[in-house]
PDB file of all heavy atoms in Angstrom:
ATOM      1  N   THR A   1    -143.536-172.120 -85.417  1.00  0.00           N
ATOM      2  CA  THR A   1    -142.490-171.118 -85.222  1.00  0.00           C
ATOM      3  C   THR A   1    -142.678-170.529 -83.842  1.00  0.00           C
ATOM      4  O   THR A   1    -143.657-169.830 -83.577  1.00  0.00           O
ATOM      5  CB  THR A   1    -142.564-170.010 -86.290  1.00  0.00           C
ATOM      6  OG1 THR A   1    -142.418-170.588 -87.582  1.00  0.00           O
ATOM      7  CG2 THR A   1    -141.450-168.995 -86.072  1.00  0.00           C
ATOM      8  N   LEU A   2    -141.774-170.866 -82.944  1.00  0.00           N
ATOM      9  CA  LEU A   2    -141.885-170.437 -81.556  1.00  0.00           C
ATOM     10  C   LEU A   2    -141.400-169.001 -81.402  1.00  0.00           C
ATOM     11  O   LEU A   2    -140.433-168.592 -82.059  1.00  0.00           O
ATOM     12  CB  LEU A   2    -141.061-171.352 -80.651  1.00  0.00           C
ATOM     13  CG  LEU A   2    -141.490-172.824 -80.623  1.00  0.00           C
ATOM     14  CD1 LEU A   2    -140.484-173.644 -79.826  1.00  0.00           C
ATOM     15  CD2 LEU A   2    -142.867-172.961 -80.031  1.00  0.00           C
ATOM     16  N   PRO A   3    -142.038-168.229 -80.552  1.00  0.00           N
ATOM     17  CA  PRO A   3    -141.581-166.851 -80.328  1.00  0.00           C
ATOM     18  C   PRO A   3    -140.251-166.850 -79.597  1.00  0.00           C
ATOM     19  O   PRO A   3    -139.938-167.792 -78.853  1.00  0.00           O
ATOM     20  CB  PRO A   3    -142.693-166.255 -79.457  1.00  0.00           C
ATOM     21  CG  PRO A   3    -143.267-167.435 -78.736  1.00  0.00           C
ATOM     22  CD  PRO A   3    -143.189-168.582 -79.716  1.00  0.00           C
ATOM     23  N   PRO A   4    -139.436-165.816 -79.816  1.00  0.00           N
ATOM     24  CA  PRO A   4    -138.188-165.743 -79.047  1.00  0.00           C
ATOM     25  C   PRO A   4    -138.500-165.605 -77.571  1.00  0.00           C
ATOM     26  O   PRO A   4    -139.502-164.983 -77.200  1.00  0.00           O
ATOM     27  CB  PRO A   4    -137.498-164.483 -79.593  1.00  0.00           C
ATOM     28  CG  PRO A   4    -138.609-163.673 -80.178  1.00  0.00           C
ATOM     29  CD  PRO A   4    -139.624-164.652 -80.689  1.00  0.00           C
ATOM     30  N   PRO A   5    -137.692-166.218 -76.714  1.00  0.00           N
ATOM     31  CA  PRO A   5    -137.968-166.121 -75.280  1.00  0.00           C
ATOM     32  C   PRO A   5    -137.856-164.678 -74.812  1.00  0.00           C
ATOM     33  O   PRO A   5    -137.038-163.910 -75.324  1.00  0.00           O
ATOM     34  CB  PRO A   5    -136.869-166.989 -74.640  1.00  0.00           C
ATOM     35  CG  PRO A   5    -135.777-167.025 -75.654  1.00  0.00           C
ATOM     36  CD  PRO A   5    -136.457-166.957 -76.999  1.00  0.00           C
ATOM     37  N   PRO A   6    -138.692-164.275 -73.847  1.00  0.00           N
ATOM     38  CA  PRO A   6    -138.606-162.903 -73.336  1.00  0.00           C
ATOM     39  C   PRO A   6    -137.286-162.697 -72.604  1.00  0.00           C
ATOM     40  O   PRO A   6    -136.704-163.636 -72.059  1.00  0.00           O
ATOM     41  CB  PRO A   6    -139.791-162.823 -72.359  1.00  0.00           C
ATOM     42  CG  PRO A   6    -140.052-164.245 -71.964  1.00  0.00           C
ATOM     43  CD  PRO A   6    -139.711-165.075 -73.163  1.00  0.00           C
ATOM     44  N   ALA A   7    -136.815-161.484 -72.640  1.00  0.00           N
ATOM     45  CA  ALA A   7    -135.586-161.181 -71.920  1.00  0.00           C
ATOM     46  C   ALA A   7    -135.797-161.435 -70.432  1.00  0.00           C
ATOM     47  O   ALA A   7    -136.810-161.028 -69.858  1.00  0.00           O
ATOM     48  CB  ALA A   7    -135.192-159.732 -72.148  1.00  0.00           C
ATOM     49  N   ALA A   8    -134.848-162.152 -69.843  1.00  0.00           N
ATOM     50  CA  ALA A   8    -134.985-162.486 -68.427  1.00  0.00           C
ATOM     51  C   ALA A   8    -134.753-161.245 -67.569  1.00  0.00           C
ATOM     52  O   ALA A   8    -133.762-160.534 -67.751  1.00  0.00           O
ATOM     53  CB  ALA A   8    -133.977-163.565 -68.036  1.00  0.00           C
ATOM     54  N   PRO A   9    -135.670-160.964 -66.656  1.00  0.00           N
ATOM     55  CA  PRO A   9    -135.443-159.830 -65.753  1.00  0.00           C
ATOM     56  C   PRO A   9    -134.302-160.139 -64.791  1.00  0.00           C
ATOM     57  O   PRO A   9    -134.003-161.302 -64.534  1.00  0.00           O
ATOM     58  CB  PRO A   9    -136.773-159.724 -65.007  1.00  0.00           C
ATOM     59  CG  PRO A   9    -137.360-161.097 -65.058  1.00  0.00           C
ATOM     60  CD  PRO A   9    -136.911-161.690 -66.357  1.00  0.00           C
ATOM     61  N   THR A  10    -133.659-159.126 -64.316  1.00  0.00           N
ATOM     62  CA  THR A  10    -132.572-159.325 -63.360  1.00  0.00           C
ATOM     63  C   THR A  10    -132.964-158.742 -62.012  1.00  0.00           C
ATOM     64  O   THR A  10    -133.825-157.876 -61.922  1.00  0.00           O
ATOM     65  CB  THR A  10    -131.285-158.648 -63.859  1.00  0.00           C
ATOM     66  OG1 THR A  10    -131.547-157.260 -64.091  1.00  0.00           O
ATOM     67  CG2 THR A  10    -130.805-159.285 -65.156  1.00  0.00           C
ATOM     68  N   ALA A  11    -132.315-159.245 -60.980  1.00  0.00           N
ATOM     69  CA  ALA A  11    -132.632-158.806 -59.618  1.00  0.00           C
ATOM     70  C   ALA A  11    -131.881-157.519 -59.288  1.00  0.00           C
ATOM     71  O   ALA A  11    -130.658-157.455 -59.440  1.00  0.00           O
ATOM     72  CB  ALA A  11    -132.268-159.898 -58.629  1.00  0.00           C
ATOM     73  N   ASP A  12    -132.612-156.518 -58.871  1.00  0.00           N
ATOM     74  CA  ASP A  12    -132.002-155.273 -58.401  1.00  0.00           C
ATOM     75  C   ASP A  12    -132.058-155.251 -56.873  1.00  0.00           C
ATOM     76  O   ASP A  12    -133.028-155.741 -56.278  1.00  0.00           O
ATOM     77  CB  ASP A  12    -132.760-154.065 -58.939  1.00  0.00           C
ATOM     78  CG  ASP A  12    -132.641-153.940 -60.448  1.00  0.00           C
ATOM     79  OD1 ASP A  12    -131.543-154.205 -60.971  1.00  0.00           O
ATOM     80  OD2 ASP A  12    -133.654-153.608 -61.099  1.00  0.00           O
ATOM     81  N   PRO A  13    -131.036-154.699 -56.234  1.00  0.00           N
ATOM     82  CA  PRO A  13    -131.078-154.598 -54.766  1.00  0.00           C
ATOM     83  C   PRO A  13    -132.260-153.746 -54.321  1.00  0.00           C
ATOM     84  O   PRO A  13    -132.298-152.547 -54.561  1.00  0.00           O
ATOM     85  CB  PRO A  13    -129.740-153.931 -54.417  1.00  0.00           C
ATOM     86  CG  PRO A  13    -128.861-154.183 -55.602  1.00  0.00           C
ATOM     87  CD  PRO A  13    -129.782-154.177 -56.801  1.00  0.00           C
ATOM     88  N   THR A  14    -133.240-154.375 -53.712  1.00  0.00           N
ATOM     89  CA  THR A  14    -134.440-153.677 -53.255  1.00  0.00           C
ATOM     90  C   THR A  14    -134.822-154.199 -51.882  1.00  0.00           C
ATOM     91  O   THR A  14    -135.090-155.397 -51.733  1.00  0.00           O
ATOM     92  CB  THR A  14    -135.614-153.902 -54.221  1.00  0.00           C
ATOM     93  OG1 THR A  14    -135.215-153.546 -55.550  1.00  0.00           O
ATOM     94  CG2 THR A  14    -136.819-153.077 -53.812  1.00  0.00           C
ATOM     95  N   PRO A  15    -134.834-153.352 -50.858  1.00  0.00           N
ATOM     96  CA  PRO A  15    -135.196-153.829 -49.519  1.00  0.00           C
ATOM     97  C   PRO A  15    -136.592-154.461 -49.513  1.00  0.00           C
ATOM     98  O   PRO A  15    -137.500-154.003 -50.199  1.00  0.00           O
ATOM     99  CB  PRO A  15    -135.162-152.544 -48.680  1.00  0.00           C
ATOM    100  CG  PRO A  15    -134.259-151.622 -49.424  1.00  0.00           C
ATOM    101  CD  PRO A  15    -134.486-151.918 -50.877  1.00  0.00           C
ATOM    102  N   VAL A  16    -136.726-155.530 -48.724  1.00  0.00           N
ATOM    103  CA  VAL A  16    -137.995-156.254 -48.625  1.00  0.00           C
ATOM    104  C   VAL A  16    -138.441-156.246 -47.168  1.00  0.00           C
ATOM    105  O   VAL A  16    -137.761-156.817 -46.299  1.00  0.00           O
ATOM    106  CB  VAL A  16    -137.850-157.706 -49.128  1.00  0.00           C
ATOM    107  CG1 VAL A  16    -139.153-158.471 -48.921  1.00  0.00           C
ATOM    108  CG2 VAL A  16    -137.439-157.717 -50.599  1.00  0.00           C
ATOM    109  N   ASP A  17    -139.569-155.609 -46.889  1.00  0.00           N
ATOM    110  CA  ASP A  17    -140.098-155.575 -45.533  1.00  0.00           C
ATOM    111  C   ASP A  17    -140.420-156.990 -45.047  1.00  0.00           C
ATOM    112  O   ASP A  17    -141.068-157.762 -45.756  1.00  0.00           O
ATOM    113  CB  ASP A  17    -141.381-154.735 -45.481  1.00  0.00           C
ATOM    114  CG  ASP A  17    -141.116-153.251 -45.670  1.00  0.00           C
ATOM    115  OD1 ASP A  17    -139.956-152.834 -45.467  1.00  0.00           O
ATOM    116  OD2 ASP A  17    -142.068-152.529 -46.038  1.00  0.00           O
ATOM    117  N   GLY A  18    -139.952-157.330 -43.857  1.00  0.00           N
ATOM    118  CA  GLY A  18    -140.282-158.610 -43.255  1.00  0.00           C
ATOM    119  C   GLY A  18    -139.361-159.743 -43.625  1.00  0.00           C
ATOM    120  O   GLY A  18    -139.476-160.839 -43.056  1.00  0.00           O
ATOM    121  N   LEU A  19    -138.452-159.544 -44.577  1.00  0.00           N
ATOM    122  CA  LEU A  19    -137.490-160.593 -44.934  1.00  0.00           C
ATOM    123  C   LEU A  19    -136.390-160.610 -43.887  1.00  0.00           C
ATOM    124  O   LEU A  19    -135.648-159.640 -43.741  1.00  0.00           O
ATOM    125  CB  LEU A  19    -136.903-160.326 -46.321  1.00  0.00           C
ATOM    126  CG  LEU A  19    -135.908-161.365 -46.866  1.00  0.00           C
ATOM    127  CD1 LEU A  19    -136.605-162.692 -47.144  1.00  0.00           C
ATOM    128  CD2 LEU A  19    -135.234-160.858 -48.144  1.00  0.00           C
ATOM    129  N   THR A  20    -136.286-161.708 -43.134  1.00  0.00           N
ATOM    130  CA  THR A  20    -135.339-161.762 -42.026  1.00  0.00           C
ATOM    131  C   THR A  20    -134.303-162.855 -42.233  1.00  0.00           C
ATOM    132  O   THR A  20    -134.591-163.898 -42.828  1.00  0.00           O
ATOM    133  CB  THR A  20    -136.064-162.005 -40.689  1.00  0.00           C
ATOM    134  OG1 THR A  20    -136.803-163.228 -40.772  1.00  0.00           O
ATOM    135  CG2 THR A  20    -137.025-160.868 -40.387  1.00  0.00           C
ATOM    136  N   VAL A  21    -133.112-162.597 -41.737  1.00  0.00           N
ATOM    137  CA  VAL A  21    -132.008-163.549 -41.850  1.00  0.00           C
ATOM    138  C   VAL A  21    -132.015-164.471 -40.635  1.00  0.00           C
ATOM    139  O   VAL A  21    -131.952-164.010 -39.494  1.00  0.00           O
ATOM    140  CB  VAL A  21    -130.655-162.813 -41.950  1.00  0.00           C
ATOM    141  CG1 VAL A  21    -129.506-163.819 -41.982  1.00  0.00           C
ATOM    142  CG2 VAL A  21    -130.622-161.922 -43.189  1.00  0.00           C
ATOM    143  N   VAL A  22    -132.077-165.759 -40.881  1.00  0.00           N
ATOM    144  CA  VAL A  22    -132.032-166.765 -39.815  1.00  0.00           C
ATOM    145  C   VAL A  22    -130.597-167.224 -39.565  1.00  0.00           C
ATOM    146  O   VAL A  22    -130.182-167.479 -38.441  1.00  0.00           O
ATOM    147  CB  VAL A  22    -132.930-167.965 -40.179  1.00  0.00           C
ATOM    148  CG1 VAL A  22    -132.839-169.076 -39.137  1.00  0.00           C
ATOM    149  CG2 VAL A  22    -134.377-167.519 -40.356  1.00  0.00           C
ATOM    150  N   HIS A  23    -129.838-167.320 -40.655  1.00  0.00           N
ATOM    151  CA  HIS A  23    -128.426-167.735 -40.552  1.00  0.00           C
ATOM    152  C   HIS A  23    -127.683-167.210 -41.771  1.00  0.00           C
ATOM    153  O   HIS A  23    -128.222-167.171 -42.872  1.00  0.00           O
ATOM    154  CB  HIS A  23    -128.320-169.270 -40.511  1.00  0.00           C
ATOM    155  CG  HIS A  23    -126.906-169.764 -40.675  1.00  0.00           C
ATOM    156  ND1 HIS A  23    -126.037-169.877 -39.623  1.00  0.00           N
ATOM    157  CD2 HIS A  23    -126.214-170.150 -41.790  1.00  0.00           C
ATOM    158  CE1 HIS A  23    -124.867-170.319 -40.067  1.00  0.00           C
ATOM    159  NE2 HIS A  23    -124.951-170.495 -41.374  1.00  0.00           N
ATOM    160  N   SER A  24    -126.437-166.816 -41.573  1.00  0.00           N
ATOM    161  CA  SER A  24    -125.608-166.362 -42.684  1.00  0.00           C
ATOM    162  C   SER A  24    -124.150-166.711 -42.423  1.00  0.00           C
ATOM    163  O   SER A  24    -123.657-166.550 -41.301  1.00  0.00           O
ATOM    164  CB  SER A  24    -125.755-164.845 -42.885  1.00  0.00           C
ATOM    165  OG  SER A  24    -124.931-164.398 -43.940  1.00  0.00           O
ATOM    166  N   ASP A  25    -123.472-167.215 -43.457  1.00  0.00           N
ATOM    167  CA  ASP A  25    -122.025-167.416 -43.392  1.00  0.00           C
ATOM    168  C   ASP A  25    -121.465-167.162 -44.789  1.00  0.00           C
ATOM    169  O   ASP A  25    -122.144-166.574 -45.632  1.00  0.00           O
ATOM    170  CB  ASP A  25    -121.672-168.821 -42.855  1.00  0.00           C
ATOM    171  CG  ASP A  25    -122.275-169.953 -43.679  1.00  0.00           C
ATOM    172  OD1 ASP A  25    -122.268-169.860 -44.924  1.00  0.00           O
ATOM    173  OD2 ASP A  25    -122.760-170.945 -43.088  1.00  0.00           O
ATOM    174  N   ASP A  26    -120.247-167.585 -45.048  1.00  0.00           N
ATOM    175  CA  ASP A  26    -119.620-167.271 -46.334  1.00  0.00           C
ATOM    176  C   ASP A  26    -120.240-168.031 -47.503  1.00  0.00           C
ATOM    177  O   ASP A  26    -120.007-167.677 -48.674  1.00  0.00           O
ATOM    178  CB  ASP A  26    -118.117-167.588 -46.286  1.00  0.00           C
ATOM    179  CG  ASP A  26    -117.349-166.620 -45.398  1.00  0.00           C
ATOM    180  OD1 ASP A  26    -117.890-165.525 -45.136  1.00  0.00           O
ATOM    181  OD2 ASP A  26    -116.236-166.963 -44.971  1.00  0.00           O
ATOM    182  N   HIS A  27    -121.012-169.077 -47.215  1.00  0.00           N
ATOM    183  CA  HIS A  27    -121.501-169.956 -48.288  1.00  0.00           C
ATOM    184  C   HIS A  27    -123.011-169.928 -48.483  1.00  0.00           C
ATOM    185  O   HIS A  27    -123.495-170.138 -49.599  1.00  0.00           O
ATOM    186  CB  HIS A  27    -121.047-171.394 -48.019  1.00  0.00           C
ATOM    187  CG  HIS A  27    -119.566-171.558 -48.030  1.00  0.00           C
ATOM    188  ND1 HIS A  27    -118.849-171.817 -49.177  1.00  0.00           N
ATOM    189  CD2 HIS A  27    -118.651-171.482 -47.025  1.00  0.00           C
ATOM    190  CE1 HIS A  27    -117.562-171.890 -48.890  1.00  0.00           C
ATOM    191  NE2 HIS A  27    -117.417-171.695 -47.586  1.00  0.00           N
ATOM    192  N   ILE A  28    -123.757-169.694 -47.408  1.00  0.00           N
ATOM    193  CA  ILE A  28    -125.219-169.732 -47.514  1.00  0.00           C
ATOM    194  C   ILE A  28    -125.850-168.614 -46.697  1.00  0.00           C
ATOM    195  O   ILE A  28    -125.224-168.073 -45.784  1.00  0.00           O
ATOM    196  CB  ILE A  28    -125.809-171.086 -47.023  1.00  0.00           C
ATOM    197  CG1 ILE A  28    -125.462-171.297 -45.540  1.00  0.00           C
ATOM    198  CG2 ILE A  28    -125.339-172.242 -47.882  1.00  0.00           C
ATOM    199  CD1 ILE A  28    -126.157-172.511 -44.904  1.00  0.00           C
ATOM    200  N   ILE A  29    -127.070-168.282 -47.061  1.00  0.00           N
ATOM    201  CA  ILE A  29    -127.892-167.425 -46.219  1.00  0.00           C
ATOM    202  C   ILE A  29    -129.270-168.072 -46.133  1.00  0.00           C
ATOM    203  O   ILE A  29    -129.870-168.432 -47.159  1.00  0.00           O
ATOM    204  CB  ILE A  29    -127.963-165.976 -46.751  1.00  0.00           C
ATOM    205  CG1 ILE A  29    -128.822-165.103 -45.825  1.00  0.00           C
ATOM    206  CG2 ILE A  29    -128.465-165.926 -48.189  1.00  0.00           C
ATOM    207  CD1 ILE A  29    -128.727-163.615 -46.124  1.00  0.00           C
ATOM    208  N   VAL A  30    -129.749-168.283 -44.903  1.00  0.00           N
ATOM    209  CA  VAL A  30    -131.066-168.870 -44.666  1.00  0.00           C
ATOM    210  C   VAL A  30    -131.998-167.747 -44.243  1.00  0.00           C
ATOM    211  O   VAL A  30    -131.673-166.961 -43.353  1.00  0.00           O
ATOM    212  CB  VAL A  30    -131.003-169.966 -43.577  1.00  0.00           C
ATOM    213  CG1 VAL A  30    -132.391-170.556 -43.332  1.00  0.00           C
ATOM    214  CG2 VAL A  30    -130.024-171.069 -43.995  1.00  0.00           C
ATOM    215  N   LEU A  31    -133.137-167.671 -44.907  1.00  0.00           N
ATOM    216  CA  LEU A  31    -134.051-166.555 -44.719  1.00  0.00           C
ATOM    217  C   LEU A  31    -135.442-167.021 -44.338  1.00  0.00           C
ATOM    218  O   LEU A  31    -135.849-168.137 -44.672  1.00  0.00           O
ATOM    219  CB  LEU A  31    -134.150-165.745 -46.020  1.00  0.00           C
ATOM    220  CG  LEU A  31    -132.815-165.211 -46.542  1.00  0.00           C
ATOM    221  CD1 LEU A  31    -132.739-165.379 -48.039  1.00  0.00           C
ATOM    222  CD2 LEU A  31    -132.632-163.753 -46.166  1.00  0.00           C
ATOM    223  N   ASP A  32    -136.157-166.149 -43.646  1.00  0.00           N
ATOM    224  CA  ASP A  32    -137.575-166.353 -43.371  1.00  0.00           C
ATOM    225  C   ASP A  32    -138.324-165.418 -44.323  1.00  0.00           C
ATOM    226  O   ASP A  32    -138.288-164.199 -44.168  1.00  0.00           O
ATOM    227  CB  ASP A  32    -137.886-166.023 -41.910  1.00  0.00           C
ATOM    228  CG  ASP A  32    -139.249-166.535 -41.483  1.00  0.00           C
ATOM    229  OD1 ASP A  32    -140.131-166.670 -42.349  1.00  0.00           O
ATOM    230  OD2 ASP A  32    -139.440-166.796 -40.283  1.00  0.00           O
ATOM    231  N   LYS A  33    -138.970-166.005 -45.334  1.00  0.00           N
ATOM    232  CA  LYS A  33    -139.625-165.215 -46.378  1.00  0.00           C
ATOM    233  C   LYS A  33    -141.030-164.813 -45.966  1.00  0.00           C
ATOM    234  O   LYS A  33    -141.825-165.653 -45.569  1.00  0.00           O
ATOM    235  CB  LYS A  33    -139.694-166.020 -47.681  1.00  0.00           C
ATOM    236  CG  LYS A  33    -140.268-165.230 -48.862  1.00  0.00           C
ATOM    237  CD  LYS A  33    -140.462-166.095 -50.093  1.00  0.00           C
ATOM    238  CE  LYS A  33    -141.789-166.807 -50.090  1.00  0.00           C
ATOM    239  NZ  LYS A  33    -142.963-165.896 -50.227  1.00  0.00           N
ATOM    240  N   PRO A  34    -141.365-163.529 -46.082  1.00  0.00           N
ATOM    241  CA  PRO A  34    -142.731-163.100 -45.777  1.00  0.00           C
ATOM    242  C   PRO A  34    -143.671-163.356 -46.953  1.00  0.00           C
ATOM    243  O   PRO A  34    -143.235-163.698 -48.064  1.00  0.00           O
ATOM    244  CB  PRO A  34    -142.571-161.603 -45.507  1.00  0.00           C
ATOM    245  CG  PRO A  34    -141.409-161.205 -46.359  1.00  0.00           C
ATOM    246  CD  PRO A  34    -140.479-162.399 -46.388  1.00  0.00           C
ATOM    247  N   VAL A  35    -144.956-163.156 -46.719  1.00  0.00           N
ATOM    248  CA  VAL A  35    -145.957-163.334 -47.765  1.00  0.00           C
ATOM    249  C   VAL A  35    -145.831-162.212 -48.802  1.00  0.00           C
ATOM    250  O   VAL A  35    -145.360-161.117 -48.497  1.00  0.00           O
ATOM    251  CB  VAL A  35    -147.372-163.343 -47.149  1.00  0.00           C
ATOM    252  CG1 VAL A  35    -147.745-161.981 -46.589  1.00  0.00           C
ATOM    253  CG2 VAL A  35    -148.411-163.816 -48.163  1.00  0.00           C
ATOM    254  N   GLY A  36    -146.192-162.532 -50.051  1.00  0.00           N
ATOM    255  CA  GLY A  36    -146.185-161.523 -51.099  1.00  0.00           C
ATOM    256  C   GLY A  36    -144.838-161.269 -51.722  1.00  0.00           C
ATOM    257  O   GLY A  36    -144.650-160.261 -52.408  1.00  0.00           O
ATOM    258  N   VAL A  37    -143.893-162.185 -51.509  1.00  0.00           N
ATOM    259  CA  VAL A  37    -142.537-162.022 -52.028  1.00  0.00           C
ATOM    260  C   VAL A  37    -142.196-163.241 -52.884  1.00  0.00           C
ATOM    261  O   VAL A  37    -142.335-164.384 -52.434  1.00  0.00           O
ATOM    262  CB  VAL A  37    -141.508-161.872 -50.886  1.00  0.00           C
ATOM    263  CG1 VAL A  37    -140.096-161.722 -51.440  1.00  0.00           C
ATOM    264  CG2 VAL A  37    -141.872-160.686 -49.998  1.00  0.00           C
ATOM    265  N   ALA A  38    -141.746-163.005 -54.122  1.00  0.00           N
ATOM    266  CA  ALA A  38    -141.319-164.097 -54.997  1.00  0.00           C
ATOM    267  C   ALA A  38    -139.870-164.459 -54.686  1.00  0.00           C
ATOM    268  O   ALA A  38    -139.115-163.644 -54.143  1.00  0.00           O
ATOM    269  CB  ALA A  38    -141.453-163.687 -56.454  1.00  0.00           C
ATOM    270  N   ALA A  39    -139.477-165.669 -55.057  1.00  0.00           N
ATOM    271  CA  ALA A  39    -138.095-166.081 -54.813  1.00  0.00           C
ATOM    272  C   ALA A  39    -137.122-165.280 -55.668  1.00  0.00           C
ATOM    273  O   ALA A  39    -136.053-164.879 -55.215  1.00  0.00           O
ATOM    274  CB  ALA A  39    -137.933-167.576 -55.095  1.00  0.00           C
ATOM    275  N   HIS A  40    -137.499-165.010 -56.919  1.00  0.00           N
ATOM    276  CA  HIS A  40    -136.611-164.321 -57.850  1.00  0.00           C
ATOM    277  C   HIS A  40    -137.444-163.593 -58.897  1.00  0.00           C
ATOM    278  O   HIS A  40    -138.646-163.837 -59.034  1.00  0.00           O
ATOM    279  CB  HIS A  40    -135.653-165.318 -58.521  1.00  0.00           C
ATOM    280  CG  HIS A  40    -136.366-166.435 -59.239  1.00  0.00           C
ATOM    281  ND1 HIS A  40    -137.003-166.257 -60.452  1.00  0.00           N
ATOM    282  CD2 HIS A  40    -136.571-167.730 -58.900  1.00  0.00           C
ATOM    283  CE1 HIS A  40    -137.545-167.401 -60.841  1.00  0.00           C
ATOM    284  NE2 HIS A  40    -137.308-168.302 -59.915  1.00  0.00           N
ATOM    285  N   PRO A  41    -136.845-162.704 -59.672  1.00  0.00           N
ATOM    286  CA  PRO A  41    -137.598-162.000 -60.719  1.00  0.00           C
ATOM    287  C   PRO A  41    -138.101-162.984 -61.773  1.00  0.00           C
ATOM    288  O   PRO A  41    -137.491-164.026 -62.026  1.00  0.00           O
ATOM    289  CB  PRO A  41    -136.559-161.044 -61.321  1.00  0.00           C
ATOM    290  CG  PRO A  41    -135.499-160.906 -60.295  1.00  0.00           C
ATOM    291  CD  PRO A  41    -135.446-162.232 -59.590  1.00  0.00           C
ATOM    292  N   SER A  42    -139.208-162.646 -62.411  1.00  0.00           N
ATOM    293  CA  SER A  42    -139.746-163.446 -63.505  1.00  0.00           C
ATOM    294  C   SER A  42    -140.611-162.545 -64.368  1.00  0.00           C
ATOM    295  O   SER A  42    -141.081-161.498 -63.899  1.00  0.00           O
ATOM    296  CB  SER A  42    -140.570-164.631 -62.970  1.00  0.00           C
ATOM    297  OG  SER A  42    -141.671-164.177 -62.207  1.00  0.00           O
ATOM    298  N   PRO A  43    -140.817-162.912 -65.638  1.00  0.00           N
ATOM    299  CA  PRO A  43    -141.645-162.070 -66.519  1.00  0.00           C
ATOM    300  C   PRO A  43    -143.037-161.864 -65.931  1.00  0.00           C
ATOM    301  O   PRO A  43    -143.699-162.806 -65.510  1.00  0.00           O
ATOM    302  CB  PRO A  43    -141.701-162.892 -67.818  1.00  0.00           C
ATOM    303  CG  PRO A  43    -140.459-163.721 -67.786  1.00  0.00           C
ATOM    304  CD  PRO A  43    -140.242-164.070 -66.348  1.00  0.00           C
TER     305      PRO A  43
END
């Protein structure tokens, strides 16, 4: 009997020091990710 999956966390707008935009247009944004930053929320 498998446990129910945990509720997925959602991303809240939170400024990230050192996260810089390399390119942005209507379809994509290319970023330079600093250390200590995850790609997305997770349990």
